[in-house]
Amino acid sequence: MNTKSLIGRGVKSSCGHSFRLLVEGFIRTLRHYGSMAFYKVSSILSYLGNKALDFLSVSVLDAIVPIAKKTQKIIAFTLAETLIVIGVIGIVSALTLPNLNSSTGEKEKVAKVKKIYQNLQDAFGRAEAVYGPYGEWLIGVSGDQAQAKRIGERMTEFMKLSKTCGVAANQGCWTATAIKCRNGRSQSGKPDENTNSYKVITADGTSLILSSFSGGSIQVDIDGPSKGPNKLGSDVFSFLIDNSLGVIPKGTSTWQNGTLTFESLLSDLMGYGHYCTLWVVNYDNADYLKFSSVSGSTATCTGGTANAVTETHPRCK
């Protein structure tokens, strides 16, 4: 036997032994992944051994075949283990999903209020550009119904609507019930019956009532006429029209001049709820829905005094 042949056999033996050890270690790792995955990898290694590493073909097969015969057992969960896992998932879901849904609902409420506020401001600005300053809109127009019609027509001319009920009663642009306050009391009268207000439904399903009350008043129901509790701060929000400020959340003027204090604001949020819109726009949350009690300028949220709300911390978290 020549020197070249001896060297080749030595290399083959040494490489074959090393590769065999490598394959054995690799296959032991694969035991945990099931027999199907094992046999697929074994086939690939066998193919590479035959085609690309011809001098190791016998060693590769010697390493794979014995181990393959020992790893045909399929590892799986027992029925008891599966039921335990499902039970744990169910418990975790029951604890977390209600809070998640509540948080998502409140964020959606805030987004809807801010969206309609922006739309009202845009419509008001465009109406003033066409018809002049708001203070001149009602010159020569007398009577609550005629004034509501003037304000409503000019404002909604620049909004996308799905239905216009105007000043007519019971046309379906608002829920056929009285609006409820935060404390659960009902306001007098039913908005849909009021012929001194101008009523529409926007393209996204929001109900609007516009009137000349307090110089110009707008109430919105972000859930529309067919859904929601018809309650201030929950789905009904109040705006005013100011000669100099335009469309503003109710209470903005008195808040800015200091007449409306934080203590009075908290009291209203637990009482009538007229200033819920002001809270949402200013603080970007609807956490007043979580208030359990109010004492002076501090509100306690559901969960205890650790979640106290103050003017410097106007949220429950």
Protein backbone atom coordinates (compact mmCIF):
# COMPACT_ATOMS: atom_id res chain seq x y z
CA MET A 1 0.00 0.00 0.00
CA ASN A 2 1.48 3.37 -1.03
CA THR A 3 1.89 6.44 1.17
CA LYS A 4 -1.02 8.28 -0.48
CA SER A 5 -3.39 5.42 0.30
CA LEU A 6 -2.27 5.24 3.95
CA ILE A 7 -2.77 9.00 4.42
CA GLY A 8 -6.23 8.84 2.85
CA ARG A 9 -7.28 5.98 5.11
CA GLY A 10 -6.00 7.87 8.18
CA VAL A 11 -7.86 10.99 7.28
CA LYS A 12 -11.00 9.01 6.57
CA SER A 13 -10.82 7.19 9.90
CA SER A 14 -10.05 10.31 11.93
CA CYS A 15 -12.67 12.51 10.25
CA GLY A 16 -15.22 9.71 10.35
CA HIS A 17 -14.80 9.26 14.09
CA SER A 18 -15.05 13.03 14.79
CA PHE A 19 -18.06 13.46 12.56
CA ARG A 20 -19.73 10.43 14.17
CA LEU A 21 -19.37 12.06 17.61
CA LEU A 22 -20.78 15.32 16.23
CA VAL A 23 -23.77 13.61 14.68
CA GLU A 24 -24.47 11.61 17.85
CA GLY A 25 -24.53 14.81 19.93
CA PHE A 26 -26.75 16.54 17.40
CA ILE A 27 -29.20 13.66 17.24
CA ARG A 28 -29.47 13.44 21.03
CA THR A 29 -30.65 17.06 20.94
CA LEU A 30 -33.24 16.20 18.32
CA ARG A 31 -34.81 13.50 20.49
CA HIS A 32 -37.00 16.11 22.17
CA TYR A 33 -38.59 17.24 18.93
CA GLY A 34 -40.33 14.05 17.82
CA SER A 35 -39.47 11.25 15.48
CA MET A 36 -40.68 13.01 12.31
CA ALA A 37 -38.28 15.92 12.74
CA PHE A 38 -35.50 13.46 13.64
CA TYR A 39 -35.90 11.35 10.52
CA LYS A 40 -36.02 14.43 8.27
CA VAL A 41 -32.74 15.73 9.66
CA SER A 42 -31.25 12.24 9.51
CA SER A 43 -32.17 12.04 5.82
CA ILE A 44 -30.52 15.38 5.11
CA LEU A 45 -27.33 14.39 6.92
CA SER A 46 -27.30 11.08 5.11
CA TYR A 47 -27.70 12.84 1.76
CA LEU A 48 -24.86 15.25 2.51
CA GLY A 49 -22.70 12.37 3.67
CA ASN A 50 -23.23 10.44 0.44
CA LYS A 51 -22.91 13.35 -1.98
CA ALA A 52 -20.58 15.95 -0.47
CA LEU A 53 -18.53 13.83 1.96
CA ASP A 54 -18.18 10.53 0.17
CA PHE A 55 -15.29 9.41 2.33
CA LEU A 56 -17.54 9.64 5.44
CA SER A 57 -20.59 7.85 4.06
CA VAL A 58 -20.17 4.68 6.09
CA SER A 59 -19.42 6.61 9.30
CA VAL A 60 -22.46 8.88 8.95
CA LEU A 61 -24.87 5.98 8.48
CA ASP A 62 -23.25 4.07 11.31
CA ALA A 63 -23.89 7.02 13.58
CA ILE A 64 -27.48 7.69 12.53
CA VAL A 65 -29.09 4.28 12.15
CA PRO A 66 -28.51 2.90 15.68
CA ILE A 67 -29.66 6.09 17.34
CA ALA A 68 -32.67 6.44 15.06
CA LYS A 69 -33.94 3.04 16.18
CA LYS A 70 -33.83 4.24 19.79
CA THR A 71 -35.69 7.52 19.25
CA GLN A 72 -38.99 6.43 17.77
CA LYS A 73 -40.93 7.27 20.94
CA ILE A 74 -43.20 10.32 20.39
CA ILE A 75 -43.12 12.83 23.25
CA ALA A 76 -46.52 14.44 23.99
CA PHE A 77 -48.58 16.00 26.80
CA THR A 78 -50.90 13.77 28.78
CA LEU A 79 -54.61 14.57 28.96
CA ALA A 80 -54.24 15.79 32.55
CA GLU A 81 -51.39 18.15 31.63
CA THR A 82 -53.42 19.55 28.71
CA LEU A 83 -56.47 20.20 30.92
CA ILE A 84 -54.32 21.97 33.52
CA VAL A 85 -52.83 24.29 30.88
CA ILE A 86 -56.28 25.10 29.47
CA GLY A 87 -57.54 25.85 32.97
CA VAL A 88 -54.67 28.23 33.70
CA ILE A 89 -55.23 30.05 30.40
CA GLY A 90 -58.93 30.40 31.22
CA ILE A 91 -58.23 31.88 34.66
CA VAL A 92 -55.69 34.37 33.31
CA SER A 93 -58.09 35.42 30.53
CA ALA A 94 -60.95 35.94 32.99
CA LEU A 95 -58.76 38.22 35.11
CA THR A 96 -57.23 40.32 32.32
CA LEU A 97 -59.81 40.62 29.52
CA PRO A 98 -62.39 42.74 31.43
CA ASN A 99 -59.74 45.34 32.27
CA LEU A 100 -58.45 45.27 28.71
CA ASN A 101 -61.95 45.79 27.27
CA SER A 102 -62.65 48.61 29.73
CA SER A 103 -59.41 50.36 28.85
CA THR A 104 -60.05 49.99 25.13
CA GLY A 105 -63.62 51.33 25.51
CA GLU A 106 -62.49 54.42 27.40
CA LYS A 107 -59.76 55.18 24.87
CA GLU A 108 -62.28 54.86 22.06
CA LYS A 109 -64.65 57.20 23.90
CA VAL A 110 -61.91 59.84 24.28
CA ALA A 111 -60.95 59.49 20.61
CA LYS A 112 -64.57 59.95 19.47
CA VAL A 113 -65.09 63.05 21.61
CA LYS A 114 -61.90 64.66 20.35
CA LYS A 115 -62.79 63.76 16.76
CA ILE A 116 -66.26 65.36 16.88
CA TYR A 117 -64.75 68.36 18.68
CA GLN A 118 -62.30 68.82 15.82
CA ASN A 119 -65.08 68.41 13.24
CA LEU A 120 -67.24 71.01 15.00
CA GLN A 121 -64.36 73.46 15.18
CA ASP A 122 -63.59 72.99 11.48
CA ALA A 123 -67.26 73.41 10.50
CA PHE A 124 -67.57 76.53 12.63
CA GLY A 125 -64.45 78.09 11.12
CA ARG A 126 -65.64 77.43 7.59
CA ALA A 127 -69.14 78.74 8.37
CA GLU A 128 -67.69 81.98 9.74
CA ALA A 129 -65.53 82.31 6.63
CA VAL A 130 -68.68 82.18 4.48
CA TYR A 131 -71.32 83.87 6.66
CA GLY A 132 -69.22 86.21 8.77
CA PRO A 133 -68.66 86.38 12.55
CA TYR A 134 -70.90 84.21 14.70
CA GLY A 135 -72.13 87.26 16.58
CA GLU A 136 -73.87 88.41 13.40
CA TRP A 137 -75.57 85.14 12.49
CA LEU A 138 -78.71 85.77 14.52
CA ILE A 139 -79.20 89.43 13.71
CA GLY A 140 -82.82 89.85 12.68
CA VAL A 141 -83.67 86.25 13.60
CA SER A 142 -86.13 85.92 16.48
CA GLY A 143 -87.51 82.92 18.29
CA ASP A 144 -85.67 79.86 19.64
CA GLN A 145 -86.73 77.62 16.77
CA ALA A 146 -85.67 80.04 14.03
CA GLN A 147 -82.34 80.71 15.75
CA ALA A 148 -81.67 77.00 16.22
CA LYS A 149 -82.44 76.46 12.54
CA ARG A 150 -80.03 79.23 11.50
CA ILE A 151 -77.19 77.91 13.67
CA GLY A 152 -77.82 74.27 12.71
CA GLU A 153 -78.03 74.88 8.98
CA ARG A 154 -74.87 76.98 8.84
CA MET A 155 -72.82 74.65 11.02
CA THR A 156 -73.88 71.37 9.44
CA GLU A 157 -73.50 72.72 5.91
CA PHE A 158 -69.81 71.97 6.31
CA MET A 159 -70.18 68.54 7.89
CA LYS A 160 -70.78 65.12 6.36
CA LEU A 161 -74.25 63.94 7.37
CA SER A 162 -76.22 60.73 7.00
CA LYS A 163 -79.54 62.19 8.16
CA THR A 164 -81.03 65.63 8.78
CA CYS A 165 -84.07 65.91 11.06
CA GLY A 166 -83.99 69.70 11.42
CA VAL A 167 -86.28 71.22 14.01
CA ALA A 168 -89.05 68.65 13.45
CA ALA A 169 -89.91 66.39 16.39
CA ASN A 170 -89.50 62.61 16.66
CA GLN A 171 -87.59 62.07 13.44
CA GLY A 172 -85.12 59.57 14.93
CA CYS A 173 -81.97 61.67 15.13
CA TRP A 174 -81.71 61.16 18.90
CA THR A 175 -82.67 58.46 21.39
CA ALA A 176 -86.34 58.76 22.31
CA THR A 177 -85.55 59.12 26.02
CA ALA A 178 -84.43 61.92 28.33
CA ILE A 179 -80.72 62.49 28.83
CA LYS A 180 -79.43 61.18 32.15
CA CYS A 181 -77.00 63.02 34.41
CA ARG A 182 -73.93 61.39 35.95
CA ASN A 183 -75.84 60.86 39.20
CA GLY A 184 -78.56 58.94 37.37
CA ARG A 185 -81.22 61.66 37.37
CA SER A 186 -83.00 62.40 34.11
CA GLN A 187 -83.12 65.85 32.58
CA SER A 188 -86.49 67.31 31.76
CA GLY A 189 -87.79 66.76 28.26
CA LYS A 190 -86.70 64.46 25.47
CA PRO A 191 -84.27 65.95 22.93
CA ASP A 192 -85.90 64.24 19.95
CA GLU A 193 -89.20 65.92 20.80
CA ASN A 194 -87.70 69.40 21.09
CA THR A 195 -88.73 71.62 18.18
CA ASN A 196 -86.42 74.40 19.36
CA SER A 197 -83.28 72.45 18.45
CA TYR A 198 -81.75 71.40 15.13
CA LYS A 199 -80.98 67.68 14.95
CA VAL A 200 -78.74 65.67 12.58
CA ILE A 201 -76.76 62.43 12.41
CA THR A 202 -73.23 62.65 11.02
CA ALA A 203 -71.72 60.21 8.54
CA ASP A 204 -69.98 58.29 11.33
CA GLY A 205 -73.24 57.83 13.27
CA THR A 206 -72.88 60.62 15.85
CA SER A 207 -76.08 62.44 16.84
CA LEU A 208 -75.99 66.25 17.14
CA ILE A 209 -78.41 68.73 18.70
CA LEU A 210 -77.79 72.44 18.06
CA SER A 211 -79.71 75.28 19.69
CA SER A 212 -79.40 78.95 20.63
CA PHE A 213 -79.50 78.10 24.34
CA SER A 214 -76.79 79.98 26.31
CA GLY A 215 -75.80 81.82 23.14
CA GLY A 216 -75.24 78.60 21.24
CA SER A 217 -75.29 75.04 22.54
CA ILE A 218 -74.34 71.71 21.00
CA GLN A 219 -74.88 68.27 22.45
CA VAL A 220 -73.45 65.15 20.85
CA ASP A 221 -74.19 61.48 21.36
CA ILE A 222 -71.10 59.62 20.16
CA ASP A 223 -73.05 56.32 20.02
CA GLY A 224 -75.87 57.71 17.90
CA PRO A 225 -79.62 57.35 18.48
CA SER A 226 -79.77 53.56 18.78
CA LYS A 227 -77.02 52.65 21.25
CA GLY A 228 -75.56 53.66 24.57
CA PRO A 229 -77.08 54.79 27.89
CA ASN A 230 -77.87 58.35 26.69
CA LYS A 231 -75.95 59.66 29.68
CA LEU A 232 -73.71 62.69 30.16
CA GLY A 233 -70.04 61.70 30.20
CA SER A 234 -70.76 58.19 28.96
CA ASP A 235 -71.97 58.84 25.42
CA VAL A 236 -73.46 62.37 25.62
CA PHE A 237 -71.11 65.38 25.69
CA SER A 238 -71.80 69.12 25.80
CA PHE A 239 -70.25 72.01 23.86
CA LEU A 240 -70.95 75.73 23.66
CA ILE A 241 -70.44 78.27 20.87
CA ASP A 242 -68.48 81.31 22.01
CA ASN A 243 -68.22 84.52 19.97
CA SER A 244 -64.47 84.73 20.40
CA LEU A 245 -63.41 81.13 21.11
CA GLY A 246 -65.68 79.30 18.70
CA VAL A 247 -66.84 75.79 19.63
CA ILE A 248 -65.58 74.89 23.12
CA PRO A 249 -66.28 72.21 25.75
CA LYS A 250 -68.91 73.40 28.19
CA GLY A 251 -67.23 75.09 31.14
CA THR A 252 -64.13 76.24 29.23
CA SER A 253 -64.70 79.98 29.76
CA THR A 254 -65.28 79.72 33.50
CA TRP A 255 -62.36 77.27 33.76
CA GLN A 256 -60.03 79.69 32.04
CA ASN A 257 -61.04 82.70 34.14
CA GLY A 258 -60.79 80.70 37.36
CA THR A 259 -64.48 80.76 38.26
CA LEU A 260 -64.70 77.00 37.81
CA THR A 261 -62.28 75.40 40.27
CA PHE A 262 -60.97 71.84 40.22
CA GLU A 263 -63.08 71.10 43.31
CA SER A 264 -66.22 72.30 41.51
CA LEU A 265 -65.24 70.31 38.45
CA LEU A 266 -64.95 67.08 40.46
CA SER A 267 -68.27 67.78 42.13
CA ASP A 268 -69.97 68.19 38.76
CA LEU A 269 -68.42 64.99 37.43
CA MET A 270 -70.11 63.08 40.26
CA GLY A 271 -73.33 65.09 39.94
CA TYR A 272 -74.72 66.46 36.69
CA GLY A 273 -71.78 65.76 34.39
CA HIS A 274 -72.00 68.92 32.27
CA TYR A 275 -68.21 69.33 32.37
CA CYS A 276 -67.23 65.80 31.33
CA THR A 277 -66.32 67.14 27.89
CA LEU A 278 -63.97 69.66 29.48
CA TRP A 279 -62.28 66.87 31.43
CA VAL A 280 -61.85 64.64 28.37
CA VAL A 281 -60.40 67.41 26.20
CA ASN A 282 -58.10 68.81 28.90
CA TYR A 283 -56.84 65.56 30.43
CA ASP A 284 -57.18 63.11 27.53
CA ASN A 285 -58.97 60.46 29.61
CA ALA A 286 -62.39 59.49 30.91
CA ASP A 287 -61.23 58.36 34.33
CA TYR A 288 -64.14 60.14 36.03
CA LEU A 289 -66.07 57.00 35.09
CA LYS A 290 -63.96 55.20 37.73
CA PHE A 291 -64.58 57.69 40.54
CA SER A 292 -66.08 56.08 43.62
CA SER A 293 -66.22 59.25 45.73
CA VAL A 294 -65.15 62.90 45.83
CA SER A 295 -63.95 64.87 48.84
CA GLY A 296 -63.01 68.49 48.22
CA SER A 297 -60.40 68.65 45.47
CA THR A 298 -59.61 64.92 45.60
CA ALA A 299 -61.42 62.04 43.96
CA THR A 300 -61.04 58.39 44.94
CA CYS A 301 -61.02 55.83 42.17
CA THR A 302 -62.29 52.30 42.33
CA GLY A 303 -59.55 50.34 44.05
CA GLY A 304 -58.87 52.56 47.05
CA THR A 305 -57.25 55.80 48.12
CA ALA A 306 -53.94 54.77 46.56
CA ASN A 307 -55.49 55.82 43.25
CA ALA A 308 -56.43 59.35 44.37
CA VAL A 309 -57.06 61.95 41.64
CA THR A 310 -55.87 65.53 42.18
CA GLU A 311 -55.39 68.59 39.98
CA THR A 312 -51.71 67.70 39.54
CA HIS A 313 -52.54 64.04 38.93
CA PRO A 314 -55.84 64.00 37.00
CA ARG A 315 -56.03 60.27 36.34
CA CYS A 316 -56.67 57.04 38.20
CA LYS A 317 -53.32 55.42 37.35
